[in-house]
Amino acid sequence: MFPTENVKKVGHDISEFFHYNVISFNAADSDFYHQAMINIIDLMLEYIGSMKSVNETLNDAKMITSFIYNSLKVVYLMK
Protein backbone atom coordinates (compact mmCIF):
# COMPACT_ATOMS: atom_id res chain seq x y z
CA MET A 1 0.00 0.00 0.00
CA PHE A 2 1.98 2.98 1.28
CA PRO A 3 5.67 3.19 2.02
CA THR A 4 6.38 2.88 5.75
CA GLU A 5 7.40 6.52 6.13
CA ASN A 6 4.05 7.63 4.68
CA VAL A 7 2.12 5.35 7.02
CA LYS A 8 4.05 6.75 9.98
CA LYS A 9 3.34 10.31 8.76
CA VAL A 10 -0.39 9.56 8.58
CA GLY A 11 -0.27 8.00 12.04
CA HIS A 12 1.58 11.03 13.34
CA ASP A 13 -0.95 13.43 11.83
CA ILE A 14 -3.93 11.49 13.19
CA SER A 15 -2.34 11.23 16.63
CA GLU A 16 -1.72 14.98 16.67
CA PHE A 17 -5.37 15.55 15.70
CA PHE A 18 -6.66 13.29 18.48
CA HIS A 19 -4.19 14.65 21.04
CA TYR A 20 -4.71 18.37 20.44
CA ASN A 21 -8.48 18.09 20.11
CA VAL A 22 -8.77 15.88 23.21
CA ILE A 23 -10.68 13.19 21.35
CA SER A 24 -11.20 9.85 23.05
CA PHE A 25 -9.74 6.82 21.31
CA ASN A 26 -13.25 5.32 21.50
CA ALA A 27 -14.34 7.87 18.89
CA ALA A 28 -12.44 5.86 16.29
CA ASP A 29 -14.56 2.77 16.95
CA SER A 30 -16.78 2.46 13.88
CA ASP A 31 -17.59 -0.61 11.81
CA PHE A 32 -16.28 0.64 8.48
CA TYR A 33 -12.99 2.22 9.58
CA HIS A 34 -12.36 0.12 12.68
CA GLN A 35 -9.44 -2.05 11.47
CA ALA A 36 -7.75 0.81 9.65
CA MET A 37 -7.98 2.97 12.76
CA ILE A 38 -6.63 0.16 14.92
CA ASN A 39 -3.59 -0.06 12.70
CA ILE A 40 -3.16 3.71 12.79
CA ILE A 41 -4.09 3.82 16.72
CA ASP A 42 -1.09 1.46 17.23
CA LEU A 43 1.15 3.93 15.44
CA MET A 44 -0.54 6.81 17.24
CA LEU A 45 0.08 5.30 20.65
CA GLU A 46 3.66 4.55 19.66
CA TYR A 47 4.09 8.20 18.69
CA ILE A 48 2.41 9.53 21.84
CA GLY A 49 4.57 7.20 23.95
CA SER A 50 7.67 8.65 22.32
CA MET A 51 6.81 12.21 23.38
CA LYS A 52 9.31 13.33 26.01
CA SER A 53 6.86 14.14 28.82
CA VAL A 54 4.76 11.03 28.22
CA ASN A 55 7.85 8.83 27.95
CA GLU A 56 9.19 10.14 31.26
CA THR A 57 5.83 9.54 32.94
CA LEU A 58 5.63 6.00 31.54
CA ASN A 59 9.14 5.23 32.78
CA ASP A 60 8.25 6.52 36.25
CA ALA A 61 5.06 4.44 36.26
CA LYS A 62 7.00 1.32 35.22
CA MET A 63 9.48 1.89 38.04
CA ILE A 64 6.71 2.34 40.63
CA THR A 65 4.80 -0.70 39.35
CA SER A 66 7.94 -2.83 39.47
CA PHE A 67 8.62 -1.70 43.04
CA ILE A 68 5.09 -2.48 44.17
CA TYR A 69 4.83 -5.92 42.58
CA ASN A 70 8.33 -7.00 43.64
CA SER A 71 7.51 -6.50 47.31
CA LEU A 72 4.77 -8.61 48.85
CA LYS A 73 4.43 -6.26 51.83
CA VAL A 74 3.70 -3.34 49.54
CA VAL A 75 1.22 -5.42 47.52
CA TYR A 76 -0.63 -6.31 50.74
CA LEU A 77 -0.65 -2.64 51.74
CA MET A 78 -2.11 -1.71 48.36
CA LYS A 79 -4.90 -4.27 48.80
PDB file of N, CA and C in Angstrom:
ATOM      1  N   MET A   1       0.836  -1.195   0.000  1.00  0.00           N
ATOM      2  CA  MET A   1       0.000   0.000   0.000  1.00  0.00           C
ATOM      3  C   MET A   1       0.878   1.255   0.000  1.00  0.00           C
ATOM      4  N   PHE A   2       1.168   1.778   1.175  1.00  0.00           N
ATOM      5  CA  PHE A   2       1.976   2.978   1.284  1.00  0.00           C
ATOM      6  C   PHE A   2       3.367   2.615   1.788  1.00  0.00           C
ATOM      7  N   PRO A   3       4.361   3.398   1.397  1.00  0.00           N
ATOM      8  CA  PRO A   3       5.673   3.191   2.021  1.00  0.00           C
ATOM      9  C   PRO A   3       5.580   3.439   3.526  1.00  0.00           C
ATOM     10  N   THR A   4       6.433   2.792   4.286  1.00  0.00           N
ATOM     11  CA  THR A   4       6.383   2.875   5.755  1.00  0.00           C
ATOM     12  C   THR A   4       6.447   4.307   6.259  1.00  0.00           C
ATOM     13  N   GLU A   5       7.281   5.137   5.647  1.00  0.00           N
ATOM     14  CA  GLU A   5       7.402   6.517   6.129  1.00  0.00           C
ATOM     15  C   GLU A   5       6.099   7.287   5.940  1.00  0.00           C
ATOM     16  N   ASN A   6       5.339   6.967   4.877  1.00  0.00           N
ATOM     17  CA  ASN A   6       4.047   7.626   4.679  1.00  0.00           C
ATOM     18  C   ASN A   6       3.020   7.158   5.699  1.00  0.00           C
ATOM     19  N   VAL A   7       3.032   5.876   6.011  1.00  0.00           N
ATOM     20  CA  VAL A   7       2.118   5.346   7.019  1.00  0.00           C
ATOM     21  C   VAL A   7       2.414   5.989   8.368  1.00  0.00           C
ATOM     22  N   LYS A   8       3.685   6.112   8.704  1.00  0.00           N
ATOM     23  CA  LYS A   8       4.054   6.750   9.979  1.00  0.00           C
ATOM     24  C   LYS A   8       3.640   8.217   9.990  1.00  0.00           C
ATOM     25  N   LYS A   9       3.750   8.900   8.853  1.00  0.00           N
ATOM     26  CA  LYS A   9       3.343  10.308   8.759  1.00  0.00           C
ATOM     27  C   LYS A   9       1.841  10.429   8.988  1.00  0.00           C
ATOM     28  N   VAL A  10       1.063   9.539   8.380  1.00  0.00           N
ATOM     29  CA  VAL A  10      -0.389   9.558   8.580  1.00  0.00           C
ATOM     30  C   VAL A  10      -0.717   9.287  10.041  1.00  0.00           C
ATOM     31  N   GLY A  11      -0.061   8.291  10.622  1.00  0.00           N
ATOM     32  CA  GLY A  11      -0.274   7.997  12.037  1.00  0.00           C
ATOM     33  C   GLY A  11       0.073   9.181  12.919  1.00  0.00           C
ATOM     34  N   HIS A  12       1.162   9.844  12.593  1.00  0.00           N
ATOM     35  CA  HIS A  12       1.578  11.026  13.344  1.00  0.00           C
ATOM     36  C   HIS A  12       0.528  12.125  13.241  1.00  0.00           C
ATOM     37  N   ASP A  13       0.046  12.373  12.034  1.00  0.00           N
ATOM     38  CA  ASP A  13      -0.949  13.428  11.835  1.00  0.00           C
ATOM     39  C   ASP A  13      -2.254  13.121  12.559  1.00  0.00           C
ATOM     40  N   ILE A  14      -2.693  11.870  12.499  1.00  0.00           N
ATOM     41  CA  ILE A  14      -3.929  11.491  13.194  1.00  0.00           C
ATOM     42  C   ILE A  14      -3.740  11.591  14.700  1.00  0.00           C
ATOM     43  N   SER A  15      -2.580  11.160  15.187  1.00  0.00           N
ATOM     44  CA  SER A  15      -2.343  11.233  16.626  1.00  0.00           C
ATOM     45  C   SER A  15      -2.313  12.675  17.101  1.00  0.00           C
ATOM     46  N   GLU A  16      -1.724  13.561  16.315  1.00  0.00           N
ATOM     47  CA  GLU A  16      -1.722  14.985  16.669  1.00  0.00           C
ATOM     48  C   GLU A  16      -3.154  15.507  16.722  1.00  0.00           C
ATOM     49  N   PHE A  17      -3.968  15.116  15.737  1.00  0.00           N
ATOM     50  CA  PHE A  17      -5.365  15.550  15.704  1.00  0.00           C
ATOM     51  C   PHE A  17      -6.113  15.099  16.955  1.00  0.00           C
ATOM     52  N   PHE A  18      -5.995  13.815  17.289  1.00  0.00           N
ATOM     53  CA  PHE A  18      -6.661  13.286  18.482  1.00  0.00           C
ATOM     54  C   PHE A  18      -6.139  13.957  19.747  1.00  0.00           C
ATOM     55  N   HIS A  19      -4.827  14.099  19.835  1.00  0.00           N
ATOM     56  CA  HIS A  19      -4.192  14.645  21.036  1.00  0.00           C
ATOM     57  C   HIS A  19      -4.598  16.102  21.268  1.00  0.00           C
ATOM     58  N   TYR A  20      -4.461  16.945  20.259  1.00  0.00           N
ATOM     59  CA  TYR A  20      -4.712  18.368  20.438  1.00  0.00           C
ATOM     60  C   TYR A  20      -6.186  18.723  20.511  1.00  0.00           C
ATOM     61  N   ASN A  21      -7.048  17.851  20.028  1.00  0.00           N
ATOM     62  CA  ASN A  21      -8.481  18.094  20.109  1.00  0.00           C
ATOM     63  C   ASN A  21      -9.135  17.316  21.244  1.00  0.00           C
ATOM     64  N   VAL A  22      -8.321  16.641  22.052  1.00  0.00           N
ATOM     65  CA  VAL A  22      -8.766  15.878  23.210  1.00  0.00           C
ATOM     66  C   VAL A  22      -9.928  14.957  22.834  1.00  0.00           C
ATOM     67  N   ILE A  23      -9.686  14.138  21.813  1.00  0.00           N
ATOM     68  CA  ILE A  23     -10.685  13.190  21.347  1.00  0.00           C
ATOM     69  C   ILE A  23     -10.363  11.821  21.932  1.00  0.00           C
ATOM     70  N   SER A  24     -11.370  11.184  22.478  1.00  0.00           N
ATOM     71  CA  SER A  24     -11.202   9.850  23.053  1.00  0.00           C
ATOM     72  C   SER A  24     -10.879   8.849  21.954  1.00  0.00           C
ATOM     73  N   PHE A  25     -10.056   7.861  22.280  1.00  0.00           N
ATOM     74  CA  PHE A  25      -9.738   6.821  21.311  1.00  0.00           C
ATOM     75  C   PHE A  25     -10.990   6.028  20.935  1.00  0.00           C
ATOM     76  N   ASN A  26     -12.001   6.023  21.803  1.00  0.00           N
ATOM     77  CA  ASN A  26     -13.249   5.319  21.501  1.00  0.00           C
ATOM     78  C   ASN A  26     -13.986   5.942  20.323  1.00  0.00           C
ATOM     79  N   ALA A  27     -13.686   7.199  20.015  1.00  0.00           N
ATOM     80  CA  ALA A  27     -14.340   7.866  18.893  1.00  0.00           C
ATOM     81  C   ALA A  27     -13.985   7.212  17.564  1.00  0.00           C
ATOM     82  N   ALA A  28     -12.877   6.510  17.523  1.00  0.00           N
ATOM     83  CA  ALA A  28     -12.441   5.860  16.286  1.00  0.00           C
ATOM     84  C   ALA A  28     -13.107   4.501  16.083  1.00  0.00           C
ATOM     85  N   ASP A  29     -13.944   4.097  17.006  1.00  0.00           N
ATOM     86  CA  ASP A  29     -14.555   2.769  16.952  1.00  0.00           C
ATOM     87  C   ASP A  29     -15.817   2.786  16.086  1.00  0.00           C
ATOM     88  N   SER A  30     -15.641   2.576  14.793  1.00  0.00           N
ATOM     89  CA  SER A  30     -16.777   2.459  13.879  1.00  0.00           C
ATOM     90  C   SER A  30     -16.580   1.198  13.049  1.00  0.00           C
ATOM     91  N   ASP A  31     -17.669   0.648  12.548  1.00  0.00           N
ATOM     92  CA  ASP A  31     -17.591  -0.612  11.809  1.00  0.00           C
ATOM     93  C   ASP A  31     -16.728  -0.499  10.556  1.00  0.00           C
ATOM     94  N   PHE A  32     -16.931   0.531   9.767  1.00  0.00           N
ATOM     95  CA  PHE A  32     -16.278   0.639   8.478  1.00  0.00           C
ATOM     96  C   PHE A  32     -14.778   0.911   8.596  1.00  0.00           C
ATOM     97  N   TYR A  33     -14.389   1.812   9.480  1.00  0.00           N
ATOM     98  CA  TYR A  33     -12.993   2.220   9.582  1.00  0.00           C
ATOM     99  C   TYR A  33     -12.251   1.573  10.743  1.00  0.00           C
ATOM    100  N   HIS A  34     -12.904   0.668  11.428  1.00  0.00           N
ATOM    101  CA  HIS A  34     -12.363   0.124  12.676  1.00  0.00           C
ATOM    102  C   HIS A  34     -10.959  -0.466  12.523  1.00  0.00           C
ATOM    103  N   GLN A  35     -10.755  -1.398  11.597  1.00  0.00           N
ATOM    104  CA  GLN A  35      -9.441  -2.049  11.474  1.00  0.00           C
ATOM    105  C   GLN A  35      -8.363  -1.064  11.025  1.00  0.00           C
ATOM    106  N   ALA A  36      -8.718  -0.186  10.105  1.00  0.00           N
ATOM    107  CA  ALA A  36      -7.745   0.814   9.647  1.00  0.00           C
ATOM    108  C   ALA A  36      -7.328   1.715  10.803  1.00  0.00           C
ATOM    109  N   MET A  37      -8.304   2.112  11.623  1.00  0.00           N
ATOM    110  CA  MET A  37      -7.981   2.973  12.757  1.00  0.00           C
ATOM    111  C   MET A  37      -7.167   2.220  13.805  1.00  0.00           C
ATOM    112  N   ILE A  38      -7.429   0.929  13.978  1.00  0.00           N
ATOM    113  CA  ILE A  38      -6.633   0.159  14.923  1.00  0.00           C
ATOM    114  C   ILE A  38      -5.177   0.153  14.490  1.00  0.00           C
ATOM    115  N   ASN A  39      -4.960  -0.051  13.202  1.00  0.00           N
ATOM    116  CA  ASN A  39      -3.587  -0.064  12.700  1.00  0.00           C
ATOM    117  C   ASN A  39      -2.917   1.282  12.869  1.00  0.00           C
ATOM    118  N   ILE A  40      -3.706   2.362  12.626  1.00  0.00           N
ATOM    119  CA  ILE A  40      -3.160   3.706  12.793  1.00  0.00           C
ATOM    120  C   ILE A  40      -2.981   4.027  14.244  1.00  0.00           C
ATOM    121  N   ILE A  41      -4.119   3.505  15.295  1.00  0.00           N
ATOM    122  CA  ILE A  41      -4.086   3.817  16.721  1.00  0.00           C
ATOM    123  C   ILE A  41      -2.817   3.258  17.340  1.00  0.00           C
ATOM    124  N   ASP A  42      -2.337   2.017  16.725  1.00  0.00           N
ATOM    125  CA  ASP A  42      -1.086   1.459  17.229  1.00  0.00           C
ATOM    126  C   ASP A  42       0.067   2.422  16.977  1.00  0.00           C
ATOM    127  N   LEU A  43       0.102   2.961  15.767  1.00  0.00           N
ATOM    128  CA  LEU A  43       1.151   3.928  15.437  1.00  0.00           C
ATOM    129  C   LEU A  43       0.989   5.206  16.260  1.00  0.00           C
ATOM    130  N   MET A  44      -0.286   5.606  16.480  1.00  0.00           N
ATOM    131  CA  MET A  44      -0.543   6.810  17.240  1.00  0.00           C
ATOM    132  C   MET A  44      -0.054   6.661  18.676  1.00  0.00           C
ATOM    133  N   LEU A  45      -0.361   5.520  19.282  1.00  0.00           N
ATOM    134  CA  LEU A  45       0.080   5.299  20.655  1.00  0.00           C
ATOM    135  C   LEU A  45       1.597   5.206  20.740  1.00  0.00           C
ATOM    136  N   GLU A  46       2.196   4.612  19.715  1.00  0.00           N
ATOM    137  CA  GLU A  46       3.656   4.546  19.662  1.00  0.00           C
ATOM    138  C   GLU A  46       4.234   5.957  19.605  1.00  0.00           C
ATOM    139  N   TYR A  47       3.616   6.816  18.796  1.00  0.00           N
ATOM    140  CA  TYR A  47       4.087   8.199  18.688  1.00  0.00           C
ATOM    141  C   TYR A  47       3.879   8.947  20.004  1.00  0.00           C
ATOM    142  N   ILE A  48       2.690   8.824  20.581  1.00  0.00           N
ATOM    143  CA  ILE A  48       2.413   9.529  21.837  1.00  0.00           C
ATOM    144  C   ILE A  48       3.365   9.047  22.922  1.00  0.00           C
ATOM    145  N   GLY A  49       3.644   7.747  22.956  1.00  0.00           N
ATOM    146  CA  GLY A  49       4.575   7.201  23.948  1.00  0.00           C
ATOM    147  C   GLY A  49       5.992   7.698  23.761  1.00  0.00           C
ATOM    148  N   SER A  50       6.320   8.145  22.555  1.00  0.00           N
ATOM    149  CA  SER A  50       7.673   8.648  22.318  1.00  0.00           C
ATOM    150  C   SER A  50       7.828  10.121  22.660  1.00  0.00           C
ATOM    151  N   MET A  51       6.716  10.804  22.967  1.00  0.00           N
ATOM    152  CA  MET A  51       6.810  12.209  23.382  1.00  0.00           C
ATOM    153  C   MET A  51       7.563  12.268  24.707  1.00  0.00           C
ATOM    154  N   LYS A  52       8.406  13.270  24.854  1.00  0.00           N
ATOM    155  CA  LYS A  52       9.307  13.327  26.008  1.00  0.00           C
ATOM    156  C   LYS A  52       8.558  13.263  27.347  1.00  0.00           C
ATOM    157  N   SER A  53       7.552  14.111  27.527  1.00  0.00           N
ATOM    158  CA  SER A  53       6.857  14.141  28.819  1.00  0.00           C
ATOM    159  C   SER A  53       6.100  12.847  29.082  1.00  0.00           C
ATOM    160  N   VAL A  54       5.490  12.274  28.055  1.00  0.00           N
ATOM    161  CA  VAL A  54       4.761  11.025  28.219  1.00  0.00           C
ATOM    162  C   VAL A  54       5.729   9.882  28.495  1.00  0.00           C
ATOM    163  N   ASN A  55       6.844   9.868  27.772  1.00  0.00           N
ATOM    164  CA  ASN A  55       7.846   8.826  27.950  1.00  0.00           C
ATOM    165  C   ASN A  55       8.409   8.848  29.371  1.00  0.00           C
ATOM    166  N   GLU A  56       8.691  10.039  29.891  1.00  0.00           N
ATOM    167  CA  GLU A  56       9.195  10.144  31.262  1.00  0.00           C
ATOM    168  C   GLU A  56       8.158   9.641  32.265  1.00  0.00           C
ATOM    169  N   THR A  57       6.894   9.991  32.047  1.00  0.00           N
ATOM    170  CA  THR A  57       5.826   9.542  32.939  1.00  0.00           C
ATOM    171  C   THR A  57       5.673   8.034  32.888  1.00  0.00           C
ATOM    172  N   LEU A  58       5.724   7.454  31.678  1.00  0.00           N
ATOM    173  CA  LEU A  58       5.625   5.996  31.541  1.00  0.00           C
ATOM    174  C   LEU A  58       6.782   5.287  32.235  1.00  0.00           C
ATOM    175  N   ASN A  59       7.983   5.835  32.112  1.00  0.00           N
ATOM    176  CA  ASN A  59       9.138   5.230  32.782  1.00  0.00           C
ATOM    177  C   ASN A  59       8.988   5.284  34.298  1.00  0.00           C
ATOM    178  N   ASP A  60       8.494   6.408  34.809  1.00  0.00           N
ATOM    179  CA  ASP A  60       8.251   6.522  36.252  1.00  0.00           C
ATOM    180  C   ASP A  60       7.190   5.509  36.703  1.00  0.00           C
ATOM    181  N   ALA A  61       6.121   5.382  35.910  1.00  0.00           N
ATOM    182  CA  ALA A  61       5.056   4.438  36.258  1.00  0.00           C
ATOM    183  C   ALA A  61       5.568   3.000  36.245  1.00  0.00           C
ATOM    184  N   LYS A  62       6.422   2.664  35.274  1.00  0.00           N
ATOM    185  CA  LYS A  62       6.998   1.316  35.218  1.00  0.00           C
ATOM    186  C   LYS A  62       7.852   1.044  36.445  1.00  0.00           C
ATOM    187  N   MET A  63       8.624   2.054  36.877  1.00  0.00           N
ATOM    188  CA  MET A  63       9.484   1.894  38.044  1.00  0.00           C
ATOM    189  C   MET A  63       8.638   1.679  39.309  1.00  0.00           C
ATOM    190  N   ILE A  64       7.586   2.468  39.463  1.00  0.00           N
ATOM    191  CA  ILE A  64       6.714   2.344  40.630  1.00  0.00           C
ATOM    192  C   ILE A  64       5.999   0.996  40.626  1.00  0.00           C
ATOM    193  N   THR A  65       5.486   0.590  39.465  1.00  0.00           N
ATOM    194  CA  THR A  65       4.802  -0.698  39.353  1.00  0.00           C
ATOM    195  C   THR A  65       5.738  -1.849  39.681  1.00  0.00           C
ATOM    196  N   SER A  66       6.959  -1.780  39.176  1.00  0.00           N
ATOM    197  CA  SER A  66       7.944  -2.833  39.474  1.00  0.00           C
ATOM    198  C   SER A  66       8.230  -2.898  40.964  1.00  0.00           C
ATOM    199  N   PHE A  67       8.361  -1.736  41.605  1.00  0.00           N
ATOM    200  CA  PHE A  67       8.624  -1.700  43.038  1.00  0.00           C
ATOM    201  C   PHE A  67       7.476  -2.342  43.809  1.00  0.00           C
ATOM    202  N   ILE A  68       6.243  -1.968  43.452  1.00  0.00           N
ATOM    203  CA  ILE A  68       5.085  -2.476  44.169  1.00  0.00           C
ATOM    204  C   ILE A  68       4.967  -3.994  44.027  1.00  0.00           C
ATOM    205  N   TYR A  69       5.070  -4.500  42.799  1.00  0.00           N
ATOM    206  CA  TYR A  69       4.834  -5.925  42.576  1.00  0.00           C
ATOM    207  C   TYR A  69       6.033  -6.798  42.917  1.00  0.00           C
ATOM    208  N   ASN A  70       7.179  -6.216  43.197  1.00  0.00           N
ATOM    209  CA  ASN A  70       8.331  -7.004  43.636  1.00  0.00           C
ATOM    210  C   ASN A  70       8.434  -7.088  45.146  1.00  0.00           C
ATOM    211  N   SER A  71       7.505  -6.468  45.846  1.00  0.00           N
ATOM    212  CA  SER A  71       7.512  -6.499  47.307  1.00  0.00           C
ATOM    213  C   SER A  71       6.135  -6.931  47.799  1.00  0.00           C
ATOM    214  N   LEU A  72       6.053  -8.105  48.391  1.00  0.00           N
ATOM    215  CA  LEU A  72       4.767  -8.610  48.853  1.00  0.00           C
ATOM    216  C   LEU A  72       4.131  -7.721  49.917  1.00  0.00           C
ATOM    217  N   LYS A  73       4.971  -7.141  50.784  1.00  0.00           N
ATOM    218  CA  LYS A  73       4.434  -6.264  51.825  1.00  0.00           C
ATOM    219  C   LYS A  73       3.725  -5.069  51.207  1.00  0.00           C
ATOM    220  N   VAL A  74       4.317  -4.501  50.193  1.00  0.00           N
ATOM    221  CA  VAL A  74       3.698  -3.338  49.543  1.00  0.00           C
ATOM    222  C   VAL A  74       2.427  -3.753  48.818  1.00  0.00           C
ATOM    223  N   VAL A  75       2.421  -4.922  48.208  1.00  0.00           N
ATOM    224  CA  VAL A  75       1.216  -5.423  47.522  1.00  0.00           C
ATOM    225  C   VAL A  75       0.092  -5.581  48.542  1.00  0.00           C
ATOM    226  N   TYR A  76       0.387  -6.140  49.708  1.00  0.00           N
ATOM    227  CA  TYR A  76      -0.634  -6.308  50.741  1.00  0.00           C
ATOM    228  C   TYR A  76      -1.128  -4.960  51.242  1.00  0.00           C
ATOM    229  N   LEU A  77      -0.232  -3.975  51.348  1.00  0.00           N
ATOM    230  CA  LEU A  77      -0.650  -2.635  51.744  1.00  0.00           C
ATOM    231  C   LEU A  77      -1.576  -2.017  50.707  1.00  0.00           C
ATOM    232  N   MET A  78      -1.283  -2.253  49.432  1.00  0.00           N
ATOM    233  CA  MET A  78      -2.111  -1.707  48.357  1.00  0.00           C
ATOM    234  C   MET A  78      -3.513  -2.311  48.382  1.00  0.00           C
ATOM    235  N   LYS A  79      -3.598  -3.606  48.756  1.00  0.00           N
ATOM    236  CA  LYS A  79      -4.903  -4.269  48.801  1.00  0.00           C
ATOM    237  C   LYS A  79      -5.693  -3.754  49.983  1.00  0.00           C
TER     238      LYS A  79
END
